[in-house]
């Protein structure tokens, strides 16, 4: 599991995340009132199973989470991204965009 991320009231953070042939990886995020996080994830699997799991708690009003991701599988690799967003209060916002590509042959992709 990667280190948990906690953003306090009004904080903004934008971060890219790269996961390569690493098995399963987890990220836990908590956003307080007015916090904003823009997370971009890139997951690559060549000959291994690679999965990224992201759990986000929107714990404060006006918290915003934007997630853009791409996963690519090639060879015998499989790649996937799991996202769970918990809207714990009213007036919070999230958006997730997940794209996947099979590069060649027998790669397996799933979101």
C-alpha atoms as a PDB file:
ATOM      1  CA  UNK A   1       0.000   0.000   0.000  1.00  0.00           C
ATOM      2  CA  UNK A   2       1.251   3.450  -0.858  1.00  0.00           C
ATOM      3  CA  UNK A   3       1.291   6.090   1.881  1.00  0.00           C
ATOM      4  CA  UNK A   4      -2.194   7.453   2.697  1.00  0.00           C
ATOM      5  CA  UNK A   5      -2.937  10.958   1.431  1.00  0.00           C
ATOM      6  CA  UNK A   6      -4.832  13.472   3.588  1.00  0.00           C
ATOM      7  CA  UNK A   7      -5.592  16.963   2.335  1.00  0.00           C
ATOM      8  CA  UNK A   8      -6.802  19.522   4.857  1.00  0.00           C
ATOM      9  CA  UNK A   9      -9.298  22.326   4.380  1.00  0.00           C
ATOM     10  CA  UNK A  10      -8.707  24.286   1.190  1.00  0.00           C
ATOM     11  CA  UNK A  11      -5.560  22.391   0.109  1.00  0.00           C
ATOM     12  CA  UNK A  12      -4.923  21.573  -3.573  1.00  0.00           C
ATOM     13  CA  UNK A  13      -2.678  18.798  -4.887  1.00  0.00           C
ATOM     14  CA  UNK A  14      -2.053  17.389  -8.369  1.00  0.00           C
ATOM     15  CA  UNK A  15       0.005  14.205  -8.698  1.00  0.00           C
ATOM     16  CA  UNK A  16       0.894  11.616 -11.356  1.00  0.00           C
ATOM     17  CA  UNK A  17       1.128   7.965 -10.274  1.00  0.00           C
ATOM     18  CA  UNK A  18       2.983   5.268 -12.259  1.00  0.00           C
ATOM     19  CA  UNK A  19       2.470   1.543 -11.580  1.00  0.00           C
ATOM     20  CA  UNK A  20       4.481  -1.023 -13.575  1.00  0.00           C
ATOM     21  CA  UNK A  21       4.281  -4.834 -13.315  1.00  0.00           C
ATOM     22  CA  UNK A  22       3.922  -4.450  -9.563  1.00  0.00           C
ATOM     23  CA  UNK A  23       1.110  -6.783  -8.549  1.00  0.00           C
ATOM     24  CA  UNK A  24      -1.557  -5.047  -6.484  1.00  0.00           C
ATOM     25  CA  UNK A  25      -1.119  -1.474  -5.219  1.00  0.00           C
ATOM     26  CA  UNK A  26      -3.513   0.456  -2.975  1.00  0.00           C
ATOM     27  CA  UNK A  27      -3.967   4.168  -2.352  1.00  0.00           C
ATOM     28  CA  UNK A  28      -6.210   5.656   0.386  1.00  0.00           C
ATOM     29  CA  UNK A  29      -7.155   9.316   0.214  1.00  0.00           C
ATOM     30  CA  UNK A  30      -9.158  11.604   2.516  1.00  0.00           C
ATOM     31  CA  UNK A  31     -10.225  15.082   1.454  1.00  0.00           C
ATOM     32  CA  UNK A  32     -11.389  17.671   3.999  1.00  0.00           C
ATOM     33  CA  UNK A  33     -13.615  20.697   3.371  1.00  0.00           C
ATOM     34  CA  UNK A  34     -12.645  22.550   0.200  1.00  0.00           C
ATOM     35  CA  UNK A  35      -9.701  20.243  -0.578  1.00  0.00           C
ATOM     36  CA  UNK A  36      -9.061  19.376  -4.240  1.00  0.00           C
ATOM     37  CA  UNK A  37      -7.053  16.471  -5.656  1.00  0.00           C
ATOM     38  CA  UNK A  38      -6.275  15.841  -9.318  1.00  0.00           C
ATOM     39  CA  UNK A  39      -4.741  12.358  -9.655  1.00  0.00           C
ATOM     40  CA  UNK A  40      -3.463  10.890 -12.930  1.00  0.00           C
ATOM     41  CA  UNK A  41      -2.576   7.182 -12.922  1.00  0.00           C
ATOM     42  CA  UNK A  42      -0.732   5.135 -15.518  1.00  0.00           C
ATOM     43  CA  UNK A  43      -0.750   1.335 -15.090  1.00  0.00           C
ATOM     44  CA  UNK A  44       1.438  -0.842 -17.330  1.00  0.00           C
ATOM     45  CA  UNK A  45       1.491  -4.663 -17.398  1.00  0.00           C
ATOM     46  CA  UNK A  46       3.713  -6.609 -19.766  1.00  0.00           C
ATOM     47  CA  UNK A  47       3.911 -10.168 -18.459  1.00  0.00           C
ATOM     48  CA  UNK A  48       2.366  -9.776 -15.012  1.00  0.00           C
ATOM     49  CA  UNK A  49      -0.950  -8.993 -13.345  1.00  0.00           C
ATOM     50  CA  UNK A  50      -0.972  -5.361 -12.253  1.00  0.00           C
ATOM     51  CA  UNK A  51      -3.875  -3.719 -10.403  1.00  0.00           C
ATOM     52  CA  UNK A  52      -4.297  -0.315  -8.802  1.00  0.00           C
ATOM     53  CA  UNK A  53      -6.981   0.200  -6.128  1.00  0.00           C
ATOM     54  CA  UNK A  54      -7.908   3.756  -5.124  1.00  0.00           C
ATOM     55  CA  UNK A  55     -10.260   4.555  -2.217  1.00  0.00           C
ATOM     56  CA  UNK A  56     -11.263   8.171  -1.616  1.00  0.00           C
ATOM     57  CA  UNK A  57     -13.243   9.621   1.298  1.00  0.00           C
ATOM     58  CA  UNK A  58     -14.760  12.996   0.492  1.00  0.00           C
ATOM     59  CA  UNK A  59     -15.108  14.051   4.126  1.00  0.00           C
ATOM     60  CA  UNK A  60     -15.753  17.787   3.796  1.00  0.00           C
ATOM     61  CA  UNK A  61     -18.137  20.034   1.906  1.00  0.00           C
ATOM     62  CA  UNK A  62     -16.810  21.309  -1.430  1.00  0.00           C
ATOM     63  CA  UNK A  63     -14.145  18.560  -1.539  1.00  0.00           C
ATOM     64  CA  UNK A  64     -13.277  17.648  -5.141  1.00  0.00           C
ATOM     65  CA  UNK A  65     -11.582  14.555  -6.558  1.00  0.00           C
ATOM     66  CA  UNK A  66     -10.674  14.218 -10.235  1.00  0.00           C
ATOM     67  CA  UNK A  67      -9.129  10.948 -11.457  1.00  0.00           C
ATOM     68  CA  UNK A  68      -7.815  10.378 -14.978  1.00  0.00           C
ATOM     69  CA  UNK A  69      -6.156   7.063 -15.770  1.00  0.00           C
ATOM     70  CA  UNK A  70      -4.796   4.845 -18.489  1.00  0.00           C
ATOM     71  CA  UNK A  71      -3.939   1.173 -18.257  1.00  0.00           C
ATOM     72  CA  UNK A  72      -2.023  -0.783 -20.899  1.00  0.00           C
ATOM     73  CA  UNK A  73      -1.582  -4.570 -21.080  1.00  0.00           C
ATOM     74  CA  UNK A  74       0.691  -6.423 -23.461  1.00  0.00           C
ATOM     75  CA  UNK A  75       2.023  -9.947 -23.820  1.00  0.00           C
ATOM     76  CA  UNK A  76       0.436 -12.140 -21.155  1.00  0.00           C
ATOM     77  CA  UNK A  77      -0.044  -9.191 -18.792  1.00  0.00           C
ATOM     78  CA  UNK A  78      -3.318  -8.003 -17.319  1.00  0.00           C
ATOM     79  CA  UNK A  79      -4.009  -4.557 -15.930  1.00  0.00           C
ATOM     80  CA  UNK A  80      -6.876  -3.047 -13.999  1.00  0.00           C
ATOM     81  CA  UNK A  81      -7.933  -0.056 -11.954  1.00  0.00           C
ATOM     82  CA  UNK A  82     -10.495  -0.115  -9.137  1.00  0.00           C
ATOM     83  CA  UNK A  83     -11.850   3.200  -7.816  1.00  0.00           C
ATOM     84  CA  UNK A  84     -14.174   3.652  -4.838  1.00  0.00           C
ATOM     85  CA  UNK A  85     -15.272   7.175  -3.909  1.00  0.00           C
ATOM     86  CA  UNK A  86     -17.212   7.633  -0.663  1.00  0.00           C
ATOM     87  CA  UNK A  87     -19.238  10.863  -0.656  1.00  0.00           C
ATOM     88  CA  UNK A  88     -19.501  11.244   3.141  1.00  0.00           C
ATOM     89  CA  UNK A  89     -21.086  14.714   3.099  1.00  0.00           C
ATOM     90  CA  UNK A  90     -23.287  16.727   0.758  1.00  0.00           C
ATOM     91  CA  UNK A  91     -21.899  19.262  -1.702  1.00  0.00           C
ATOM     92  CA  UNK A  92     -18.779  17.322  -2.724  1.00  0.00           C
ATOM     93  CA  UNK A  93     -17.769  16.330  -6.257  1.00  0.00           C
ATOM     94  CA  UNK A  94     -15.856  13.567  -8.018  1.00  0.00           C
ATOM     95  CA  UNK A  95     -15.123  12.598 -11.597  1.00  0.00           C
ATOM     96  CA  UNK A  96     -13.315   9.500 -12.867  1.00  0.00           C
ATOM     97  CA  UNK A  97     -12.136   8.717 -16.399  1.00  0.00           C
ATOM     98  CA  UNK A  98     -10.523   5.309 -17.024  1.00  0.00           C
ATOM     99  CA  UNK A  99      -9.146   4.210 -20.407  1.00  0.00           C
ATOM    100  CA  UNK A 100      -7.531   0.898 -21.343  1.00  0.00           C
ATOM    101  CA  UNK A 101      -5.505  -0.440 -24.257  1.00  0.00           C
ATOM    102  CA  UNK A 102      -4.415  -3.931 -25.309  1.00  0.00           C
ATOM    103  CA  UNK A 103      -1.082  -3.417 -27.035  1.00  0.00           C
ATOM    104  CA  UNK A 104      -0.726  -6.806 -28.701  1.00  0.00           C
ATOM    105  CA  UNK A 105      -1.744 -10.425 -28.674  1.00  0.00           C
ATOM    106  CA  UNK A 106      -3.189 -11.973 -25.577  1.00  0.00           C
ATOM    107  CA  UNK A 107      -3.104  -9.118 -23.053  1.00  0.00           C
ATOM    108  CA  UNK A 108      -6.178  -8.853 -20.806  1.00  0.00           C
ATOM    109  CA  UNK A 109      -7.620  -5.521 -19.656  1.00  0.00           C
ATOM    110  CA  UNK A 110     -10.367  -4.702 -17.195  1.00  0.00           C
ATOM    111  CA  UNK A 111     -11.502  -1.770 -15.124  1.00  0.00           C
END
